[in-house]
Structures are given as C-alpha cells and as structure tokens.
Amino acid sequence: MARSVLDRHGPGVPWSHQAILFRTNAQAVLFEESLKEIGVPYRVKGRAPFTELPEIRDALRSLLSSRVPFREMLAGIESSLSPETDEEQRSVSNSEEARTRNVQELLRLADEYASAEPAPTGAGFRAWLTAMLRGEDADSQRDAVELVTFHAAKGLEWPIVYVTGLEEGLVPIGHARTAAEMAEERRLFYVAVTRAQDELSLSWAEVRTFGTRASSRSPSAYLAEIEPALAAMRAGERPADWRANLDRERQRLRTGRAGRREQSSATRALADIELVPADHRLFDALRQWRSDAARAAKVPAYVVFHDSTLRAIAVARPGSAKELLAVAGVGPVKAGRFGAEVLRIIAASSSS
C-alpha cells in the first residue's frame, strides 16, 4: 500500500490527492509506520495523537514505571486485555473494543522495538515510539497523504482513495449485532467507497496481527455485493446506469428462463428462487465443488461463492465467461479464478 502511494505521487499529483481509509483508529498506526519508513508525508485526520489516547498513556506509564523486565511487562499488559475481538468473539462493547485494539497495536509496536533492541526498556521504547510517529501533525497546509477513518471521511473526497481492512470483524465491525448497528456499518462502508473522485483501491489482509498474536482473516461479505457495480465501472457505464443495470439483471435471473414461473415480486431475494429438479442437481454439484475449493484454499465456503450466487448460476446456466459475469455476485476476480470450473460443471450437468 505504501509503495503504491509513493508510485502515484508525481507532477500534478500532490500527496494530498491521496487518502487511506480504515474502519478503526488503531489501523492508522500501521500506515504511519509504513509511510514514514519510505519517506511519505502523512497526516492523521480527526484523531488525537496515538500516544495521547488515555489507554496508551496508561500502558506507557506502566512500562516506564515498572522494574519488571520489558518483555515480561508486555506479557502482563497483553494478558490483562479483553479477549481478541474477531469474528468468533463479540462480547466486548464498542468503546472497550476500541481501547483493546489500540493497546494491542501498541504491543505490536513494542514487540517490534524489542526485537531490534538488545536491551529494551520502557524509556527507550517511548523515545522510539515518539520518533516513529513524529509525522502525525495536523497542519492542514502541509502537502501530505491523509489517513482517515470511515467516520471522519464523511463529506470529503480525494482523487485517489485506498479503502483498507475490508475483512470480517472490521467491516462490518465485530461488535455490530442489531439491525440498526449493521445498517450503520453498511452506511459507513458506502461512505468509504464513494470518497474517490478518480481512482478507488479496495484491499483486505489474509492475516492480521493483534498485539503479538496473528489471526487469519476472511474478506468482507460487502465485497461480493459491490462486484457487479465494479464490473459496470470497468465496462464504462455511467454511474446513473448502475442501479437500473443491477435491477434488470436480478429480474432477468428471476424470470428470464423459458417456462419458468413468473415471480410475484421483482424485489424477491435470489436466495428464494424456486429451483426445478434439474436446477437443484446443478446447484448441489456447484455446492460440492465450492466445498472442495474452499477446503483447498483454507477459507470459508462463502468466500468462494455465496449460496444465493450458486442458485442464480443454477437458474441462469451461463454458457460463457461473459454470461457468467452477468450473474449478480460473480465479479471479474472470481470469474477469472473459478469461472472455468463453474462452466465445466454447468456443461456436464446440461449434457447428463
């Protein structure tokens, strides 16, 4: 990410034309560290300096005042934290999760410092941390890359935007449970992906470090939902056409096959499409293939394709890569990776 930011800078593209967006404040530190390492100026928008956050001040105070060896003190702080807040653990509150993530990020930095320092100390770490994060000034006149949370990005735009951390547990955030909270997460995601004027980059991490622990991650389900819109963008369609295009495609999948019963509502979900016996056999074959593909890739099955997408494929029975891309939920990335196998299964089903 940092290298991409550096490569995009040049005549006519000042640093301030680029912004990196993320869901939680703790994620900013990773980008601060990376950008500083390669000499890219940055500015963290709408956030108190990391070292001034109350939970960070408390942790640093413990490190500075303790007579316990530095590494033992780190282990003590880590053991006192709330359980890791990922997809499988949702018990902590919003504010507690934010504090926990911030301290986990501090521990990650402390572990990095200790790995490079033969005799690590609390005072040495504080000096190292101050030097590491020195670039986070709020001078609005300085040409710098903006580091911004989804919340703080509302109402702002940049020519080039990188939306990061698009993985389950972050987008949507792990503590979101109620319908209202999930609606807010979807709204924030929409805010993030609509901040780009010219170029938009979306990314997620396969492994994320919490403190000194590494955790495997899965891509956000929101990514599959926007693939049709991204395909429309690549095809050169005007933004005003996207909604109509998606609605037409969903309607075609519901009612387009000869002899299929007309659906009573154009808004019925793809997952509710009634399958005839031949389609059911194809759907089952696709599910079995998906299970094998997910096991081989060591990812949850829905990461390959959602059930609703497989049902839509079983209904539409695309016969080419172009027709497969027309199915809602199948974007260029998945079509390129899985398309040949899916089309083979469809052809085998049709000839049997």
Protein backbone atom coordinates (compact mmCIF):
# COMPACT_ATOMS: atom_id res chain seq x y z
CA MET A 1 0.00 0.00 0.00
CA ALA A 2 2.73 2.48 1.00
CA ARG A 3 4.68 1.68 -2.17
CA SER A 4 1.58 2.29 -4.28
CA VAL A 5 1.11 5.69 -2.63
CA LEU A 6 4.73 6.56 -3.39
CA ASP A 7 4.42 5.43 -7.01
CA ARG A 8 1.28 7.51 -7.60
CA HIS A 9 2.96 10.74 -6.42
CA GLY A 10 4.50 12.95 -9.07
CA PRO A 11 3.97 16.05 -11.24
CA GLY A 12 0.33 17.03 -10.99
CA VAL A 13 -0.38 14.50 -8.22
CA PRO A 14 0.48 16.04 -4.83
CA TRP A 15 0.49 13.88 -1.71
CA SER A 16 -2.80 15.43 -0.60
CA HIS A 17 -4.58 13.93 -3.64
CA GLN A 18 -4.33 10.53 -1.93
CA ALA A 19 -6.15 9.21 1.13
CA ILE A 20 -6.04 5.91 3.03
CA LEU A 21 -9.31 5.00 4.74
CA PHE A 22 -9.81 2.43 7.52
CA ARG A 23 -12.54 1.41 9.96
CA THR A 24 -10.73 1.78 13.33
CA ASN A 25 -8.21 4.27 14.71
CA ALA A 26 -5.76 1.52 15.67
CA GLN A 27 -5.26 0.65 12.00
CA ALA A 28 -3.76 4.07 11.33
CA VAL A 29 -0.52 3.22 13.13
CA LEU A 30 0.36 0.51 10.60
CA PHE A 31 0.15 3.03 7.79
CA GLU A 32 2.02 5.68 9.76
CA GLU A 33 4.85 3.23 10.28
CA SER A 34 4.98 2.14 6.63
CA LEU A 35 4.71 5.64 5.17
CA LYS A 36 7.34 7.04 7.48
CA GLU A 37 9.73 4.23 6.59
CA ILE A 38 9.73 5.21 2.90
CA GLY A 39 9.61 8.97 3.48
CA VAL A 40 6.00 9.71 2.55
CA PRO A 41 4.50 12.65 4.50
CA TYR A 42 1.15 11.90 6.10
CA ARG A 43 -1.50 13.47 8.30
CA VAL A 44 -3.95 11.61 10.56
CA LYS A 45 -7.29 13.35 10.30
CA GLY A 46 -9.84 13.63 13.10
CA ARG A 47 -7.90 11.73 15.75
CA ALA A 48 -5.92 12.60 18.83
CA PRO A 49 -2.23 11.65 18.54
CA PHE A 50 -1.84 7.93 19.25
CA THR A 51 0.41 8.48 22.27
CA GLU A 52 -2.15 10.86 23.81
CA LEU A 53 -5.00 8.33 23.91
CA PRO A 54 -5.84 7.57 27.58
CA GLU A 55 -5.33 3.81 27.28
CA ILE A 56 -1.98 4.34 25.53
CA ARG A 57 -0.83 6.83 28.18
CA ASP A 58 -1.73 4.32 30.90
CA ALA A 59 0.13 1.49 29.18
CA LEU A 60 3.22 3.66 28.60
CA ARG A 61 3.12 4.80 32.22
CA SER A 62 3.19 1.16 33.32
CA LEU A 63 6.13 0.43 31.04
CA LEU A 64 8.08 3.46 32.26
CA SER A 65 7.48 2.92 35.98
CA SER A 66 7.85 -0.86 36.21
CA ARG A 67 11.03 -2.53 37.39
CA VAL A 68 9.94 -5.78 35.74
CA PRO A 69 11.94 -6.67 32.58
CA PHE A 70 10.45 -5.05 29.50
CA ARG A 71 9.30 -8.26 27.76
CA GLU A 72 7.67 -9.58 30.95
CA MET A 73 5.82 -6.31 31.35
CA LEU A 74 4.50 -6.58 27.79
CA ALA A 75 3.23 -10.08 28.51
CA GLY A 76 1.49 -8.80 31.64
CA ILE A 77 -0.27 -6.00 29.76
CA GLU A 78 -1.37 -8.38 26.99
CA SER A 79 -2.80 -10.92 29.44
CA SER A 80 -4.90 -8.19 31.06
CA LEU A 81 -6.68 -7.25 27.82
CA SER A 82 -10.18 -8.28 26.85
CA PRO A 83 -10.40 -11.38 24.61
CA GLU A 84 -9.42 -10.83 20.99
CA THR A 85 -12.37 -9.28 19.18
CA ASP A 86 -12.65 -11.10 15.87
CA GLU A 87 -15.44 -12.96 14.10
CA GLU A 88 -15.73 -15.57 16.85
CA GLN A 89 -15.82 -13.25 19.88
CA ARG A 90 -18.31 -10.41 20.13
CA SER A 91 -18.75 -9.94 23.88
CA VAL A 92 -16.97 -6.62 24.40
CA SER A 93 -18.59 -3.22 23.99
CA ASN A 94 -17.80 -0.74 21.23
CA SER A 95 -15.64 1.53 23.40
CA GLU A 96 -13.85 -1.35 25.12
CA GLU A 97 -13.07 -2.98 21.78
CA ALA A 98 -11.58 0.28 20.50
CA ARG A 99 -9.38 0.61 23.59
CA THR A 100 -8.32 -3.02 23.31
CA ARG A 101 -7.35 -2.66 19.66
CA ASN A 102 -5.32 0.47 20.44
CA VAL A 103 -3.36 -1.27 23.21
CA GLN A 104 -2.86 -4.34 21.01
CA GLU A 105 -1.37 -2.06 18.38
CA LEU A 106 0.93 -0.54 21.00
CA LEU A 107 2.05 -4.05 21.98
CA ARG A 108 2.78 -4.87 18.35
CA LEU A 109 4.99 -1.80 18.13
CA ALA A 110 6.65 -2.66 21.44
CA ASP A 111 7.41 -6.17 20.20
CA GLU A 112 8.93 -4.69 17.03
CA TYR A 113 11.09 -2.36 19.13
CA ALA A 114 12.17 -5.19 21.47
CA SER A 115 13.15 -7.38 18.52
CA ALA A 116 15.58 -4.74 17.28
CA GLU A 117 16.92 -3.61 20.68
CA PRO A 118 19.30 -5.92 22.62
CA ALA A 119 18.34 -4.36 25.99
CA PRO A 120 14.79 -2.96 25.62
CA THR A 121 13.48 -0.55 28.25
CA GLY A 122 10.30 1.43 28.78
CA ALA A 123 12.12 4.75 28.33
CA GLY A 124 13.82 3.51 25.18
CA PHE A 125 10.52 2.37 23.74
CA ARG A 126 8.89 5.73 24.47
CA ALA A 127 11.70 7.54 22.61
CA TRP A 128 11.49 5.06 19.71
CA LEU A 129 7.71 5.43 19.51
CA THR A 130 7.90 9.23 19.53
CA ALA A 131 10.37 9.17 16.64
CA MET A 132 8.26 6.60 14.76
CA LEU A 133 5.06 8.67 14.94
CA ARG A 134 6.54 12.14 14.60
CA GLY A 135 4.83 12.72 11.24
CA GLU A 136 1.26 12.77 12.58
CA ASP A 137 0.90 16.56 12.76
CA ALA A 138 -2.41 18.23 11.94
CA ASP A 139 -1.02 21.07 9.78
CA SER A 140 -3.73 21.41 7.15
CA GLN A 141 -1.45 23.45 4.87
CA ARG A 142 1.20 20.77 4.59
CA ASP A 143 1.13 18.57 1.49
CA ALA A 144 0.58 15.09 2.94
CA VAL A 145 -1.31 11.86 2.40
CA GLU A 146 -4.47 11.80 4.51
CA LEU A 147 -5.07 8.89 6.91
CA VAL A 148 -8.78 8.90 7.74
CA THR A 149 -11.32 6.65 9.45
CA PHE A 150 -14.57 5.87 7.65
CA HIS A 151 -16.36 8.10 10.17
CA ALA A 152 -14.09 11.09 9.60
CA ALA A 153 -14.23 10.73 5.79
CA LYS A 154 -17.89 11.73 5.56
CA GLY A 155 -18.36 14.70 3.22
CA LEU A 156 -14.76 14.58 1.93
CA GLU A 157 -13.33 13.47 -1.40
CA TRP A 158 -9.89 12.78 -2.87
CA PRO A 159 -8.78 11.93 -6.42
CA ILE A 160 -7.19 8.66 -5.23
CA VAL A 161 -8.59 6.63 -2.32
CA TYR A 162 -7.41 3.37 -0.75
CA VAL A 163 -10.12 1.67 1.34
CA THR A 164 -8.35 -0.88 3.54
CA GLY A 165 -9.07 -3.60 6.07
CA LEU A 166 -12.14 -4.90 4.22
CA GLU A 167 -12.42 -8.11 6.20
CA GLU A 168 -14.89 -9.77 8.54
CA GLY A 169 -14.54 -8.42 12.07
CA LEU A 170 -13.61 -4.95 10.83
CA VAL A 171 -16.09 -4.31 8.00
CA PRO A 172 -18.66 -4.80 9.39
CA ILE A 173 -17.13 -4.25 12.81
CA GLY A 174 -17.21 -7.25 15.12
CA HIS A 175 -19.39 -5.74 17.84
CA ALA A 176 -22.24 -4.81 15.45
CA ARG A 177 -25.19 -7.08 16.26
CA THR A 178 -28.52 -5.30 15.95
CA ALA A 179 -30.23 -4.36 12.69
CA ALA A 180 -29.53 -0.69 13.42
CA GLU A 181 -25.84 -1.34 14.06
CA MET A 182 -25.49 -3.39 10.89
CA ALA A 183 -27.26 -0.66 8.92
CA GLU A 184 -24.75 1.84 10.29
CA GLU A 185 -21.85 -0.42 9.24
CA ARG A 186 -23.25 -0.63 5.72
CA ARG A 187 -23.65 3.16 5.62
CA LEU A 188 -20.03 3.64 6.71
CA PHE A 189 -18.84 1.24 4.02
CA TYR A 190 -20.85 3.21 1.45
CA VAL A 191 -19.26 6.44 2.71
CA ALA A 192 -15.79 4.94 2.32
CA VAL A 193 -16.15 3.57 -1.22
CA THR A 194 -17.75 6.79 -2.51
CA ARG A 195 -14.92 9.12 -1.42
CA ALA A 196 -12.84 8.57 -4.58
CA GLN A 197 -13.12 11.07 -7.43
CA ASP A 198 -10.95 9.18 -9.96
CA GLU A 199 -9.36 6.01 -8.56
CA LEU A 200 -10.52 3.56 -5.88
CA SER A 201 -8.45 0.71 -4.42
CA LEU A 202 -10.01 -1.92 -2.11
CA SER A 203 -7.93 -4.30 0.00
CA TRP A 204 -8.06 -6.77 2.88
CA ALA A 205 -5.49 -8.73 4.88
CA GLU A 206 -5.28 -12.53 4.92
CA VAL A 207 -3.50 -12.33 8.29
CA ARG A 208 -3.79 -9.55 10.85
CA THR A 209 -1.69 -9.13 13.99
CA PHE A 210 -3.39 -8.28 17.29
CA GLY A 211 -0.67 -7.37 19.77
CA THR A 212 1.79 -10.23 19.32
CA ARG A 213 -0.81 -12.74 18.04
CA ALA A 214 -1.55 -13.37 14.37
CA SER A 215 -5.11 -14.13 13.23
CA SER A 216 -6.30 -15.41 9.84
CA ARG A 217 -8.90 -13.16 8.24
CA SER A 218 -11.68 -13.51 5.64
CA PRO A 219 -12.76 -10.86 3.11
CA SER A 220 -15.79 -8.76 4.00
CA ALA A 221 -19.07 -10.02 2.58
CA TYR A 222 -19.63 -6.46 1.35
CA LEU A 223 -17.01 -7.02 -1.35
CA ALA A 224 -19.12 -9.63 -3.13
CA GLU A 225 -22.09 -7.26 -3.07
CA ILE A 226 -20.31 -4.47 -4.94
CA GLU A 227 -18.60 -6.62 -7.59
CA PRO A 228 -21.44 -6.04 -10.12
CA ALA A 229 -21.04 -2.27 -9.71
CA LEU A 230 -17.26 -2.57 -10.16
CA ALA A 231 -17.82 -4.61 -13.31
CA ALA A 232 -20.15 -1.90 -14.61
CA MET A 233 -17.43 0.71 -13.94
CA ARG A 234 -14.86 -1.32 -15.87
CA ALA A 235 -17.33 -1.62 -18.75
CA GLY A 236 -17.55 2.18 -18.92
CA GLU A 237 -21.16 2.51 -17.80
CA ARG A 238 -22.25 5.80 -16.35
CA PRO A 239 -22.87 5.76 -12.56
CA ALA A 240 -26.52 6.64 -13.14
CA ASP A 241 -26.90 3.38 -15.10
CA TRP A 242 -25.67 1.05 -12.36
CA ARG A 243 -28.85 0.78 -10.32
CA ALA A 244 -31.02 0.16 -13.37
CA ASN A 245 -28.49 -2.35 -14.72
CA LEU A 246 -28.41 -4.32 -11.46
CA ASP A 247 -32.20 -4.30 -11.14
CA ARG A 248 -32.57 -5.54 -14.74
CA GLU A 249 -30.04 -8.32 -14.14
CA ARG A 250 -31.76 -9.51 -10.97
CA GLN A 251 -35.12 -9.51 -12.75
CA ARG A 252 -33.66 -11.47 -15.68
CA LEU A 253 -32.33 -14.12 -13.32
CA ARG A 254 -35.72 -14.43 -11.64
CA THR A 255 -37.91 -14.61 -14.75
CA GLY A 256 -35.75 -14.97 -17.84
CA ARG A 257 -35.73 -18.76 -18.45
CA ALA A 258 -38.37 -20.16 -20.82
CA GLY A 259 -41.13 -21.99 -18.99
CA ARG A 260 -40.18 -20.72 -15.55
CA ARG A 261 -42.98 -19.49 -13.36
CA GLU A 262 -43.19 -15.70 -13.16
CA GLN A 263 -42.11 -14.38 -9.78
CA SER A 264 -44.67 -12.33 -7.87
CA SER A 265 -42.23 -9.63 -6.82
CA ALA A 266 -39.21 -8.10 -8.56
CA THR A 267 -37.64 -7.49 -5.17
CA ARG A 268 -37.58 -11.17 -4.11
CA ALA A 269 -34.09 -12.25 -2.99
CA LEU A 270 -32.02 -14.51 -5.23
CA ALA A 271 -31.74 -16.97 -2.36
CA ASP A 272 -35.53 -17.54 -2.59
CA ILE A 273 -35.57 -18.57 -6.25
CA GLU A 274 -37.50 -21.84 -6.60
CA LEU A 275 -35.38 -24.47 -8.31
CA VAL A 276 -36.77 -27.13 -10.65
CA PRO A 277 -35.24 -30.65 -10.21
CA ALA A 278 -32.63 -30.19 -12.95
CA ASP A 279 -31.51 -26.89 -11.42
CA HIS A 280 -31.38 -28.48 -7.98
CA ARG A 281 -28.97 -31.13 -9.23
CA LEU A 282 -26.73 -28.43 -10.72
CA PHE A 283 -26.95 -26.37 -7.52
CA ASP A 284 -25.90 -29.41 -5.45
CA ALA A 285 -22.99 -30.08 -7.82
CA LEU A 286 -21.86 -26.48 -7.53
CA ARG A 287 -22.06 -26.63 -3.72
CA GLN A 288 -19.93 -29.78 -3.66
CA TRP A 289 -17.34 -28.14 -5.93
CA ARG A 290 -17.38 -25.00 -3.74
CA SER A 291 -16.79 -27.08 -0.61
CA ASP A 292 -13.72 -28.70 -2.20
CA ALA A 293 -12.42 -25.34 -3.49
CA ALA A 294 -12.86 -23.68 -0.09
CA ARG A 295 -11.11 -26.56 1.68
CA ALA A 296 -8.18 -26.36 -0.73
CA ALA A 297 -7.89 -22.59 -0.27
CA LYS A 298 -8.41 -22.86 3.53
CA VAL A 299 -11.21 -20.28 3.50
CA PRO A 300 -14.91 -20.39 4.48
CA ALA A 301 -17.19 -21.62 1.68
CA TYR A 302 -18.96 -18.26 1.30
CA VAL A 303 -15.66 -16.64 0.35
CA VAL A 304 -15.71 -18.68 -2.87
CA PHE A 305 -19.40 -18.01 -3.66
CA HIS A 306 -22.49 -17.37 -1.56
CA ASP A 307 -25.39 -19.83 -1.82
CA SER A 308 -27.50 -17.12 -3.45
CA THR A 309 -24.91 -16.76 -6.22
CA LEU A 310 -24.77 -20.51 -6.82
CA ARG A 311 -28.56 -20.65 -7.01
CA ALA A 312 -28.55 -17.78 -9.51
CA ILE A 313 -25.95 -19.63 -11.60
CA ALA A 314 -28.10 -22.76 -11.49
CA VAL A 315 -31.07 -20.73 -12.74
CA ALA A 316 -29.23 -18.78 -15.47
CA ARG A 317 -26.93 -21.63 -16.62
CA PRO A 318 -24.38 -19.30 -18.26
CA GLY A 319 -22.56 -20.87 -21.18
CA SER A 320 -19.64 -18.46 -21.49
CA ALA A 321 -17.39 -16.28 -19.36
CA LYS A 322 -19.33 -13.21 -20.47
CA GLU A 323 -22.66 -14.74 -19.43
CA LEU A 324 -21.16 -15.85 -16.11
CA LEU A 325 -20.05 -12.28 -15.39
CA ALA A 326 -23.66 -11.16 -15.90
CA VAL A 327 -24.73 -13.14 -12.82
CA ALA A 328 -25.03 -10.95 -9.72
CA GLY A 329 -22.31 -11.91 -7.25
CA VAL A 330 -19.78 -13.00 -9.90
CA GLY A 331 -17.14 -10.35 -10.47
CA PRO A 332 -14.03 -10.37 -12.68
CA VAL A 333 -11.78 -11.68 -9.89
CA LYS A 334 -13.96 -14.67 -9.08
CA ALA A 335 -14.75 -15.30 -12.73
CA GLY A 336 -11.04 -15.38 -13.53
CA ARG A 337 -10.27 -17.71 -10.63
CA PHE A 338 -13.26 -20.06 -10.68
CA GLY A 339 -15.04 -19.43 -13.98
CA ALA A 340 -13.58 -22.32 -15.99
CA GLU A 341 -14.54 -24.88 -13.33
CA VAL A 342 -18.04 -23.44 -12.92
CA LEU A 343 -18.66 -23.51 -16.67
CA ARG A 344 -17.35 -27.09 -16.83
CA ILE A 345 -19.81 -28.17 -14.13
CA ILE A 346 -22.68 -26.43 -15.93
CA ALA A 347 -21.78 -28.10 -19.23
CA ALA A 348 -21.53 -31.52 -17.57
CA SER A 349 -24.92 -31.02 -15.94
CA SER A 350 -26.57 -29.95 -19.19
CA SER A 351 -25.26 -32.96 -21.11
CA SER A 352 -26.26 -35.54 -18.48
